[in-house]
């Protein structure tokens, strides 16, 4: 929110070397006020003490404030009392004050703008377009559009035939010329998945009767679990967009026919992990 700070602009004129004209004026006003109110007292000594102490107190209030340079103690106290009312004024408050001088149509316009301003997205879920994964296949957004995520099967360009490498580069250029719709390439350090290997080892451990072999299988299982938790593989994914399911299926077919590298379908768990990572960049999978 933007704030307008009302600045305290004051010009002080020196009456003497250490006394300002403003101080003299306030002391005169205070003296007159104290003289009038002292009429309520009968005793002359009490009257004298009342006026004298009142003038001293007024003079002390007019001294410079030690914690607010350029302001007197009296001014500082005044600002402290009204700090929540007039020291800080929001732009919305100023707009309300100006409504008095504008016509009815402008008032209605301002009211509509205020209603729109109140519809502020408050949580992360309000900003994320994701709704659900339809049939475990396509990601559906709040606006009805769909997304598919395919995994790109990479090739080591250093170990292939130079002619084949150049052919891949040419096909890649032709693909971007032919396909004009939006796509998104995703490069991630994706966690390794050894579920199949782990299930195989666990099956063998259940059947194995030799203690030593069983122990070695257990070590191998622990090794796979460590690799899953701490080792990541460089993975590449392609995000394809479509305004409807028919549109998305057509885009997927066109891309699979023309993309230079092999594309592999991803399961629901992989899609969820990738989408979570894209919306929580500082988090782990």
C-alpha atoms as a PDB file:
ATOM      1  CA  UNK A   1       0.000   0.000   0.000  1.00  0.00           C
ATOM      2  CA  UNK A   2       1.213   3.526  -0.786  1.00  0.00           C
ATOM      3  CA  UNK A   3       1.172   6.160   1.958  1.00  0.00           C
ATOM      4  CA  UNK A   4       1.215   9.929   1.919  1.00  0.00           C
ATOM      5  CA  UNK A   5       3.180  11.424   4.821  1.00  0.00           C
ATOM      6  CA  UNK A   6       2.040  14.897   5.900  1.00  0.00           C
ATOM      7  CA  UNK A   7       5.234  16.842   6.459  1.00  0.00           C
ATOM      8  CA  UNK A   8       5.542  19.325   9.307  1.00  0.00           C
ATOM      9  CA  UNK A   9       6.766  22.502   7.623  1.00  0.00           C
ATOM     10  CA  UNK A  10       7.350  25.375  10.034  1.00  0.00           C
ATOM     11  CA  UNK A  11       9.386  28.578   9.870  1.00  0.00           C
ATOM     12  CA  UNK A  12      10.780  29.888  13.147  1.00  0.00           C
ATOM     13  CA  UNK A  13      12.061  33.432  13.579  1.00  0.00           C
ATOM     14  CA  UNK A  14      14.689  34.162  16.202  1.00  0.00           C
ATOM     15  CA  UNK A  15      13.824  36.937  18.662  1.00  0.00           C
ATOM     16  CA  UNK A  16      17.150  36.809  20.478  1.00  0.00           C
ATOM     17  CA  UNK A  17      20.242  34.611  20.365  1.00  0.00           C
ATOM     18  CA  UNK A  18      18.564  31.602  21.998  1.00  0.00           C
ATOM     19  CA  UNK A  19      14.853  32.491  22.030  1.00  0.00           C
ATOM     20  CA  UNK A  20      12.438  32.205  19.123  1.00  0.00           C
ATOM     21  CA  UNK A  21       9.576  34.613  18.499  1.00  0.00           C
ATOM     22  CA  UNK A  22       7.199  31.658  18.623  1.00  0.00           C
ATOM     23  CA  UNK A  23       8.351  30.900  22.211  1.00  0.00           C
ATOM     24  CA  UNK A  24       7.666  34.518  23.289  1.00  0.00           C
ATOM     25  CA  UNK A  25       4.183  34.410  21.754  1.00  0.00           C
ATOM     26  CA  UNK A  26       3.316  31.137  23.491  1.00  0.00           C
ATOM     27  CA  UNK A  27       4.636  32.435  26.834  1.00  0.00           C
ATOM     28  CA  UNK A  28       2.471  35.597  26.521  1.00  0.00           C
ATOM     29  CA  UNK A  29      -0.626  33.492  25.678  1.00  0.00           C
ATOM     30  CA  UNK A  30       0.167  31.136  28.558  1.00  0.00           C
ATOM     31  CA  UNK A  31       0.669  34.095  30.946  1.00  0.00           C
ATOM     32  CA  UNK A  32      -2.702  35.585  29.997  1.00  0.00           C
ATOM     33  CA  UNK A  33      -4.432  32.214  30.427  1.00  0.00           C
ATOM     34  CA  UNK A  34      -2.726  31.577  33.789  1.00  0.00           C
ATOM     35  CA  UNK A  35      -3.558  35.111  35.030  1.00  0.00           C
ATOM     36  CA  UNK A  36      -7.246  34.630  34.224  1.00  0.00           C
ATOM     37  CA  UNK A  37      -7.449  31.165  35.794  1.00  0.00           C
ATOM     38  CA  UNK A  38      -5.512  32.339  38.893  1.00  0.00           C
ATOM     39  CA  UNK A  39      -8.512  34.499  39.858  1.00  0.00           C
ATOM     40  CA  UNK A  40     -10.061  31.347  41.305  1.00  0.00           C
ATOM     41  CA  UNK A  41      -7.390  31.301  43.999  1.00  0.00           C
ATOM     42  CA  UNK A  42      -7.731  33.550  47.087  1.00  0.00           C
ATOM     43  CA  UNK A  43      -4.165  33.303  48.429  1.00  0.00           C
ATOM     44  CA  UNK A  44      -1.605  35.622  46.745  1.00  0.00           C
ATOM     45  CA  UNK A  45       1.283  33.164  47.274  1.00  0.00           C
ATOM     46  CA  UNK A  46      -0.689  30.347  45.615  1.00  0.00           C
ATOM     47  CA  UNK A  47      -1.529  32.661  42.701  1.00  0.00           C
ATOM     48  CA  UNK A  48       2.139  33.589  42.254  1.00  0.00           C
ATOM     49  CA  UNK A  49       3.305  29.943  42.417  1.00  0.00           C
ATOM     50  CA  UNK A  50       0.545  28.877  39.980  1.00  0.00           C
ATOM     51  CA  UNK A  51       1.512  31.525  37.386  1.00  0.00           C
ATOM     52  CA  UNK A  52       5.273  30.989  37.856  1.00  0.00           C
ATOM     53  CA  UNK A  53       5.193  27.209  37.616  1.00  0.00           C
ATOM     54  CA  UNK A  54       2.780  27.412  34.676  1.00  0.00           C
ATOM     55  CA  UNK A  55       5.158  29.704  32.741  1.00  0.00           C
ATOM     56  CA  UNK A  56       8.131  27.421  33.534  1.00  0.00           C
ATOM     57  CA  UNK A  57       6.172  24.355  32.396  1.00  0.00           C
ATOM     58  CA  UNK A  58       5.137  26.135  29.164  1.00  0.00           C
ATOM     59  CA  UNK A  59       8.753  27.153  28.517  1.00  0.00           C
ATOM     60  CA  UNK A  60       9.944  23.541  29.017  1.00  0.00           C
ATOM     61  CA  UNK A  61       7.330  22.267  26.565  1.00  0.00           C
ATOM     62  CA  UNK A  62       8.611  24.725  23.943  1.00  0.00           C
ATOM     63  CA  UNK A  63      12.214  23.484  24.212  1.00  0.00           C
ATOM     64  CA  UNK A  64      13.621  21.340  21.319  1.00  0.00           C
ATOM     65  CA  UNK A  65      12.736  17.655  21.530  1.00  0.00           C
ATOM     66  CA  UNK A  66      15.846  15.477  22.108  1.00  0.00           C
ATOM     67  CA  UNK A  67      14.453  12.575  20.029  1.00  0.00           C
ATOM     68  CA  UNK A  68      12.767  14.621  17.267  1.00  0.00           C
ATOM     69  CA  UNK A  69      15.216  17.071  15.691  1.00  0.00           C
ATOM     70  CA  UNK A  70      13.633  20.305  14.466  1.00  0.00           C
ATOM     71  CA  UNK A  71      10.501  19.882  16.613  1.00  0.00           C
ATOM     72  CA  UNK A  72       9.619  21.116  20.071  1.00  0.00           C
ATOM     73  CA  UNK A  73       8.482  18.802  22.872  1.00  0.00           C
ATOM     74  CA  UNK A  74       4.929  20.197  22.530  1.00  0.00           C
ATOM     75  CA  UNK A  75       4.861  19.462  18.762  1.00  0.00           C
ATOM     76  CA  UNK A  76       6.216  15.945  19.363  1.00  0.00           C
ATOM     77  CA  UNK A  77       3.487  15.219  21.915  1.00  0.00           C
ATOM     78  CA  UNK A  78       0.859  16.507  19.485  1.00  0.00           C
ATOM     79  CA  UNK A  79       2.182  14.249  16.686  1.00  0.00           C
ATOM     80  CA  UNK A  80       2.307  11.289  19.058  1.00  0.00           C
ATOM     81  CA  UNK A  81      -1.398  11.759  19.911  1.00  0.00           C
ATOM     82  CA  UNK A  82      -2.590  11.984  16.295  1.00  0.00           C
ATOM     83  CA  UNK A  83      -0.117   9.580  14.643  1.00  0.00           C
ATOM     84  CA  UNK A  84      -2.842   7.056  13.736  1.00  0.00           C
ATOM     85  CA  UNK A  85      -5.240   9.711  12.442  1.00  0.00           C
ATOM     86  CA  UNK A  86      -3.405  12.281  10.348  1.00  0.00           C
ATOM     87  CA  UNK A  87       0.318  11.479  10.341  1.00  0.00           C
ATOM     88  CA  UNK A  88      -0.202   8.608   7.870  1.00  0.00           C
ATOM     89  CA  UNK A  89      -2.984   8.838   5.310  1.00  0.00           C
ATOM     90  CA  UNK A  90      -3.648   6.092   2.764  1.00  0.00           C
ATOM     91  CA  UNK A  91      -4.332   6.906  -0.878  1.00  0.00           C
ATOM     92  CA  UNK A  92      -7.769   5.278  -0.529  1.00  0.00           C
ATOM     93  CA  UNK A  93      -8.605   7.687   2.298  1.00  0.00           C
ATOM     94  CA  UNK A  94      -7.595  10.679   0.202  1.00  0.00           C
ATOM     95  CA  UNK A  95      -9.762   9.396  -2.661  1.00  0.00           C
ATOM     96  CA  UNK A  96     -12.757   9.212  -0.313  1.00  0.00           C
ATOM     97  CA  UNK A  97     -12.231  12.829   0.748  1.00  0.00           C
ATOM     98  CA  UNK A  98     -12.306  13.953  -2.893  1.00  0.00           C
ATOM     99  CA  UNK A  99     -15.603  12.163  -3.645  1.00  0.00           C
ATOM    100  CA  UNK A 100     -17.500  15.168  -2.267  1.00  0.00           C
ATOM    101  CA  UNK A 101     -16.387  17.309  -5.225  1.00  0.00           C
ATOM    102  CA  UNK A 102     -17.176  14.859  -8.049  1.00  0.00           C
ATOM    103  CA  UNK A 103     -20.414  13.801  -9.713  1.00  0.00           C
ATOM    104  CA  UNK A 104     -22.492  10.633  -9.144  1.00  0.00           C
ATOM    105  CA  UNK A 105     -21.104   8.715 -12.157  1.00  0.00           C
ATOM    106  CA  UNK A 106     -17.572   9.111 -10.846  1.00  0.00           C
ATOM    107  CA  UNK A 107     -18.711   7.918  -7.414  1.00  0.00           C
ATOM    108  CA  UNK A 108     -20.125   4.726  -8.911  1.00  0.00           C
ATOM    109  CA  UNK A 109     -16.877   4.179 -10.823  1.00  0.00           C
ATOM    110  CA  UNK A 110     -14.819   4.551  -7.637  1.00  0.00           C
ATOM    111  CA  UNK A 111     -17.108   2.101  -5.817  1.00  0.00           C
ATOM    112  CA  UNK A 112     -16.574  -0.490  -8.562  1.00  0.00           C
ATOM    113  CA  UNK A 113     -12.819   0.027  -8.407  1.00  0.00           C
ATOM    114  CA  UNK A 114     -12.889  -0.531  -4.644  1.00  0.00           C
ATOM    115  CA  UNK A 115     -14.812  -3.787  -5.078  1.00  0.00           C
ATOM    116  CA  UNK A 116     -12.240  -4.979  -7.599  1.00  0.00           C
ATOM    117  CA  UNK A 117      -9.420  -4.012  -5.246  1.00  0.00           C
ATOM    118  CA  UNK A 118     -10.949  -6.111  -2.456  1.00  0.00           C
ATOM    119  CA  UNK A 119     -10.696  -9.241  -4.634  1.00  0.00           C
ATOM    120  CA  UNK A 120      -7.005  -9.640  -3.871  1.00  0.00           C
ATOM    121  CA  UNK A 121      -5.513 -13.137  -4.094  1.00  0.00           C
ATOM    122  CA  UNK A 122      -4.576 -13.995  -0.533  1.00  0.00           C
ATOM    123  CA  UNK A 123      -2.999 -17.464  -0.717  1.00  0.00           C
ATOM    124  CA  UNK A 124      -0.653 -19.382  -3.001  1.00  0.00           C
ATOM    125  CA  UNK A 125      -3.572 -21.575  -4.108  1.00  0.00           C
ATOM    126  CA  UNK A 126      -5.300 -18.473  -5.526  1.00  0.00           C
ATOM    127  CA  UNK A 127      -2.324 -17.863  -7.817  1.00  0.00           C
ATOM    128  CA  UNK A 128      -1.866 -21.462  -8.974  1.00  0.00           C
ATOM    129  CA  UNK A 129      -4.043 -22.343 -12.007  1.00  0.00           C
ATOM    130  CA  UNK A 130      -3.894 -26.098 -11.316  1.00  0.00           C
ATOM    131  CA  UNK A 131      -7.212 -27.817 -10.520  1.00  0.00           C
ATOM    132  CA  UNK A 132      -6.733 -31.585 -10.942  1.00  0.00           C
ATOM    133  CA  UNK A 133      -5.265 -34.268 -13.203  1.00  0.00           C
ATOM    134  CA  UNK A 134      -8.023 -35.536 -15.458  1.00  0.00           C
ATOM    135  CA  UNK A 135      -8.146 -39.341 -15.682  1.00  0.00           C
ATOM    136  CA  UNK A 136      -4.569 -39.422 -14.367  1.00  0.00           C
ATOM    137  CA  UNK A 137      -3.392 -38.084 -17.722  1.00  0.00           C
ATOM    138  CA  UNK A 138      -3.925 -34.372 -18.452  1.00  0.00           C
ATOM    139  CA  UNK A 139      -3.521 -31.449 -16.045  1.00  0.00           C
ATOM    140  CA  UNK A 140      -6.636 -29.266 -16.014  1.00  0.00           C
ATOM    141  CA  UNK A 141      -6.497 -25.532 -15.251  1.00  0.00           C
ATOM    142  CA  UNK A 142      -9.120 -23.235 -13.740  1.00  0.00           C
ATOM    143  CA  UNK A 143      -9.813 -21.623 -17.134  1.00  0.00           C
ATOM    144  CA  UNK A 144     -10.611 -25.026 -18.713  1.00  0.00           C
ATOM    145  CA  UNK A 145      -7.315 -25.400 -20.602  1.00  0.00           C
ATOM    146  CA  UNK A 146      -5.293 -28.638 -20.411  1.00  0.00           C
ATOM    147  CA  UNK A 147      -1.608 -29.524 -20.186  1.00  0.00           C
ATOM    148  CA  UNK A 148       0.319 -32.692 -20.942  1.00  0.00           C
ATOM    149  CA  UNK A 149       3.880 -33.362 -19.747  1.00  0.00           C
ATOM    150  CA  UNK A 150       6.035 -35.735 -21.798  1.00  0.00           C
ATOM    151  CA  UNK A 151       9.528 -36.914 -20.890  1.00  0.00           C
ATOM    152  CA  UNK A 152      12.273 -36.350 -23.469  1.00  0.00           C
ATOM    153  CA  UNK A 153      14.563 -39.371 -23.881  1.00  0.00           C
ATOM    154  CA  UNK A 154      18.025 -37.763 -24.158  1.00  0.00           C
ATOM    155  CA  UNK A 155      20.950 -38.742 -26.362  1.00  0.00           C
ATOM    156  CA  UNK A 156      24.661 -38.334 -25.722  1.00  0.00           C
ATOM    157  CA  UNK A 157      25.742 -36.206 -28.691  1.00  0.00           C
ATOM    158  CA  UNK A 158      29.417 -36.882 -27.972  1.00  0.00           C
ATOM    159  CA  UNK A 159      29.094 -40.601 -28.726  1.00  0.00           C
ATOM    160  CA  UNK A 160      26.993 -40.586 -31.907  1.00  0.00           C
ATOM    161  CA  UNK A 161      27.864 -40.369 -35.583  1.00  0.00           C
ATOM    162  CA  UNK A 162      28.555 -36.738 -36.705  1.00  0.00           C
ATOM    163  CA  UNK A 163      26.128 -37.095 -39.634  1.00  0.00           C
ATOM    164  CA  UNK A 164      23.392 -38.362 -37.309  1.00  0.00           C
ATOM    165  CA  UNK A 165      24.126 -35.503 -34.927  1.00  0.00           C
ATOM    166  CA  UNK A 166      23.764 -32.919 -37.692  1.00  0.00           C
ATOM    167  CA  UNK A 167      20.548 -34.604 -38.817  1.00  0.00           C
ATOM    168  CA  UNK A 168      19.137 -34.227 -35.277  1.00  0.00           C
ATOM    169  CA  UNK A 169      20.097 -30.551 -35.192  1.00  0.00           C
ATOM    170  CA  UNK A 170      18.372 -29.961 -38.539  1.00  0.00           C
ATOM    171  CA  UNK A 171      15.243 -31.814 -37.388  1.00  0.00           C
ATOM    172  CA  UNK A 172      15.176 -29.729 -34.223  1.00  0.00           C
ATOM    173  CA  UNK A 173      15.269 -26.505 -36.252  1.00  0.00           C
ATOM    174  CA  UNK A 174      12.545 -27.788 -38.600  1.00  0.00           C
ATOM    175  CA  UNK A 175      10.347 -28.669 -35.602  1.00  0.00           C
ATOM    176  CA  UNK A 176      10.384 -25.119 -34.191  1.00  0.00           C
ATOM    177  CA  UNK A 177       9.594 -23.724 -37.651  1.00  0.00           C
ATOM    178  CA  UNK A 178       6.667 -26.111 -38.204  1.00  0.00           C
ATOM    179  CA  UNK A 179       5.140 -25.999 -34.707  1.00  0.00           C
ATOM    180  CA  UNK A 180       4.028 -22.473 -33.817  1.00  0.00           C
ATOM    181  CA  UNK A 181       1.954 -23.184 -30.664  1.00  0.00           C
ATOM    182  CA  UNK A 182       3.247 -22.688 -27.127  1.00  0.00           C
ATOM    183  CA  UNK A 183       5.473 -25.316 -25.518  1.00  0.00           C
ATOM    184  CA  UNK A 184       7.656 -25.317 -22.421  1.00  0.00           C
ATOM    185  CA  UNK A 185      10.946 -27.189 -22.017  1.00  0.00           C
ATOM    186  CA  UNK A 186      11.683 -28.246 -18.442  1.00  0.00           C
ATOM    187  CA  UNK A 187      15.136 -29.252 -17.181  1.00  0.00           C
ATOM    188  CA  UNK A 188      15.144 -30.796 -13.704  1.00  0.00           C
ATOM    189  CA  UNK A 189      17.396 -32.758 -11.404  1.00  0.00           C
ATOM    190  CA  UNK A 190      14.722 -35.404 -10.968  1.00  0.00           C
ATOM    191  CA  UNK A 191      14.970 -38.015  -8.181  1.00  0.00           C
ATOM    192  CA  UNK A 192      15.810 -41.572  -9.179  1.00  0.00           C
ATOM    193  CA  UNK A 193      13.022 -44.143  -9.084  1.00  0.00           C
ATOM    194  CA  UNK A 194      14.099 -47.675  -8.119  1.00  0.00           C
ATOM    195  CA  UNK A 195      10.702 -49.061  -7.113  1.00  0.00           C
ATOM    196  CA  UNK A 196      10.914 -51.986  -9.544  1.00  0.00           C
ATOM    197  CA  UNK A 197      14.427 -52.922  -8.423  1.00  0.00           C
ATOM    198  CA  UNK A 198      13.475 -52.591  -4.762  1.00  0.00           C
ATOM    199  CA  UNK A 199      10.384 -54.774  -5.140  1.00  0.00           C
ATOM    200  CA  UNK A 200      12.479 -57.383  -6.969  1.00  0.00           C
ATOM    201  CA  UNK A 201      15.085 -57.426  -4.162  1.00  0.00           C
ATOM    202  CA  UNK A 202      12.399 -57.647  -1.463  1.00  0.00           C
ATOM    203  CA  UNK A 203      10.817 -60.618  -3.252  1.00  0.00           C
ATOM    204  CA  UNK A 204      14.185 -62.343  -3.400  1.00  0.00           C
ATOM    205  CA  UNK A 205      14.865 -61.618   0.281  1.00  0.00           C
ATOM    206  CA  UNK A 206      11.585 -63.289   1.259  1.00  0.00           C
ATOM    207  CA  UNK A 207      12.546 -66.451  -0.640  1.00  0.00           C
ATOM    208  CA  UNK A 208      16.257 -66.485   0.219  1.00  0.00           C
ATOM    209  CA  UNK A 209      17.185 -68.797   3.101  1.00  0.00           C
ATOM    210  CA  UNK A 210      20.939 -68.220   3.093  1.00  0.00           C
ATOM    211  CA  UNK A 211      21.745 -65.619   5.763  1.00  0.00           C
ATOM    212  CA  UNK A 212      24.786 -64.201   3.986  1.00  0.00           C
ATOM    213  CA  UNK A 213      22.961 -63.754   0.669  1.00  0.00           C
ATOM    214  CA  UNK A 214      20.031 -62.261   2.522  1.00  0.00           C
ATOM    215  CA  UNK A 215      22.376 -59.780   4.197  1.00  0.00           C
ATOM    216  CA  UNK A 216      23.922 -58.790   0.830  1.00  0.00           C
ATOM    217  CA  UNK A 217      20.458 -58.272  -0.661  1.00  0.00           C
ATOM    218  CA  UNK A 218      19.577 -56.068   2.294  1.00  0.00           C
ATOM    219  CA  UNK A 219      22.710 -53.936   1.711  1.00  0.00           C
ATOM    220  CA  UNK A 220      21.769 -53.561  -1.953  1.00  0.00           C
ATOM    221  CA  UNK A 221      18.253 -52.493  -0.955  1.00  0.00           C
ATOM    222  CA  UNK A 222      19.656 -49.870   1.425  1.00  0.00           C
ATOM    223  CA  UNK A 223      21.964 -48.619  -1.335  1.00  0.00           C
ATOM    224  CA  UNK A 224      18.998 -48.098  -3.673  1.00  0.00           C
ATOM    225  CA  UNK A 225      17.124 -46.206  -0.952  1.00  0.00           C
ATOM    226  CA  UNK A 226      20.130 -43.899  -0.408  1.00  0.00           C
ATOM    227  CA  UNK A 227      20.374 -43.270  -4.154  1.00  0.00           C
ATOM    228  CA  UNK A 228      16.674 -42.390  -4.254  1.00  0.00           C
ATOM    229  CA  UNK A 229      17.009 -39.857  -1.431  1.00  0.00           C
ATOM    230  CA  UNK A 230      20.321 -38.203  -2.259  1.00  0.00           C
ATOM    231  CA  UNK A 231      21.123 -38.794  -5.945  1.00  0.00           C
ATOM    232  CA  UNK A 232      19.307 -37.049  -8.791  1.00  0.00           C
ATOM    233  CA  UNK A 233      19.361 -37.599 -12.526  1.00  0.00           C
ATOM    234  CA  UNK A 234      19.230 -34.853 -15.133  1.00  0.00           C
ATOM    235  CA  UNK A 235      15.780 -35.148 -16.690  1.00  0.00           C
ATOM    236  CA  UNK A 236      14.120 -33.274 -19.550  1.00  0.00           C
ATOM    237  CA  UNK A 237      10.401 -32.752 -19.998  1.00  0.00           C
ATOM    238  CA  UNK A 238       8.174 -31.101 -22.580  1.00  0.00           C
ATOM    239  CA  UNK A 239       5.008 -29.272 -21.495  1.00  0.00           C
ATOM    240  CA  UNK A 240       2.283 -29.137 -24.175  1.00  0.00           C
ATOM    241  CA  UNK A 241      -0.760 -26.843 -23.973  1.00  0.00           C
ATOM    242  CA  UNK A 242      -4.277 -27.082 -25.394  1.00  0.00           C
ATOM    243  CA  UNK A 243      -7.458 -25.029 -25.023  1.00  0.00           C
ATOM    244  CA  UNK A 244      -9.532 -28.243 -24.972  1.00  0.00           C
ATOM    245  CA  UNK A 245      -8.904 -31.990 -24.837  1.00  0.00           C
ATOM    246  CA  UNK A 246      -9.307 -32.369 -28.619  1.00  0.00           C
ATOM    247  CA  UNK A 247      -6.898 -29.482 -29.217  1.00  0.00           C
ATOM    248  CA  UNK A 248      -4.360 -30.963 -26.777  1.00  0.00           C
ATOM    249  CA  UNK A 249      -4.519 -34.461 -28.342  1.00  0.00           C
ATOM    250  CA  UNK A 250      -3.906 -32.945 -31.810  1.00  0.00           C
ATOM    251  CA  UNK A 251      -0.930 -30.935 -30.498  1.00  0.00           C
ATOM    252  CA  UNK A 252       0.550 -34.044 -28.847  1.00  0.00           C
ATOM    253  CA  UNK A 253       0.258 -36.028 -32.087  1.00  0.00           C
ATOM    254  CA  UNK A 254       1.902 -33.248 -34.132  1.00  0.00           C
ATOM    255  CA  UNK A 255       4.766 -32.949 -31.670  1.00  0.00           C
ATOM    256  CA  UNK A 256       5.380 -36.713 -31.451  1.00  0.00           C
ATOM    257  CA  UNK A 257       5.492 -36.911 -35.264  1.00  0.00           C
ATOM    258  CA  UNK A 258       7.971 -34.039 -35.671  1.00  0.00           C
ATOM    259  CA  UNK A 259      10.060 -33.852 -32.478  1.00  0.00           C
ATOM    260  CA  UNK A 260      13.694 -34.906 -33.149  1.00  0.00           C
ATOM    261  CA  UNK A 261      14.017 -37.011 -29.970  1.00  0.00           C
ATOM    262  CA  UNK A 262      11.874 -39.806 -28.567  1.00  0.00           C
ATOM    263  CA  UNK A 263       9.076 -38.709 -26.199  1.00  0.00           C
ATOM    264  CA  UNK A 264       7.806 -40.872 -23.352  1.00  0.00           C
ATOM    265  CA  UNK A 265       4.485 -40.576 -21.478  1.00  0.00           C
ATOM    266  CA  UNK A 266       4.629 -39.686 -17.786  1.00  0.00           C
ATOM    267  CA  UNK A 267       2.430 -41.047 -15.009  1.00  0.00           C
ATOM    268  CA  UNK A 268       0.284 -39.059 -12.577  1.00  0.00           C
ATOM    269  CA  UNK A 269       2.883 -39.097  -9.776  1.00  0.00           C
ATOM    270  CA  UNK A 270       5.555 -37.633 -12.071  1.00  0.00           C
ATOM    271  CA  UNK A 271       3.190 -34.878 -13.245  1.00  0.00           C
ATOM    272  CA  UNK A 272       2.351 -33.990  -9.654  1.00  0.00           C
ATOM    273  CA  UNK A 273       6.017 -33.839  -8.667  1.00  0.00           C
ATOM    274  CA  UNK A 274       6.957 -31.648 -11.645  1.00  0.00           C
ATOM    275  CA  UNK A 275       4.016 -29.281 -11.116  1.00  0.00           C
ATOM    276  CA  UNK A 276       4.816 -29.042  -7.404  1.00  0.00           C
ATOM    277  CA  UNK A 277       8.451 -28.251  -8.167  1.00  0.00           C
ATOM    278  CA  UNK A 278       7.537 -25.562 -10.728  1.00  0.00           C
ATOM    279  CA  UNK A 279       5.365 -23.811  -8.131  1.00  0.00           C
ATOM    280  CA  UNK A 280       7.802 -24.359  -5.218  1.00  0.00           C
ATOM    281  CA  UNK A 281      11.243 -23.769  -6.712  1.00  0.00           C
ATOM    282  CA  UNK A 282      13.081 -23.750  -3.358  1.00  0.00           C
ATOM    283  CA  UNK A 283      11.673 -27.091  -2.242  1.00  0.00           C
ATOM    284  CA  UNK A 284      12.790 -30.660  -2.799  1.00  0.00           C
ATOM    285  CA  UNK A 285      10.728 -33.331  -4.511  1.00  0.00           C
END
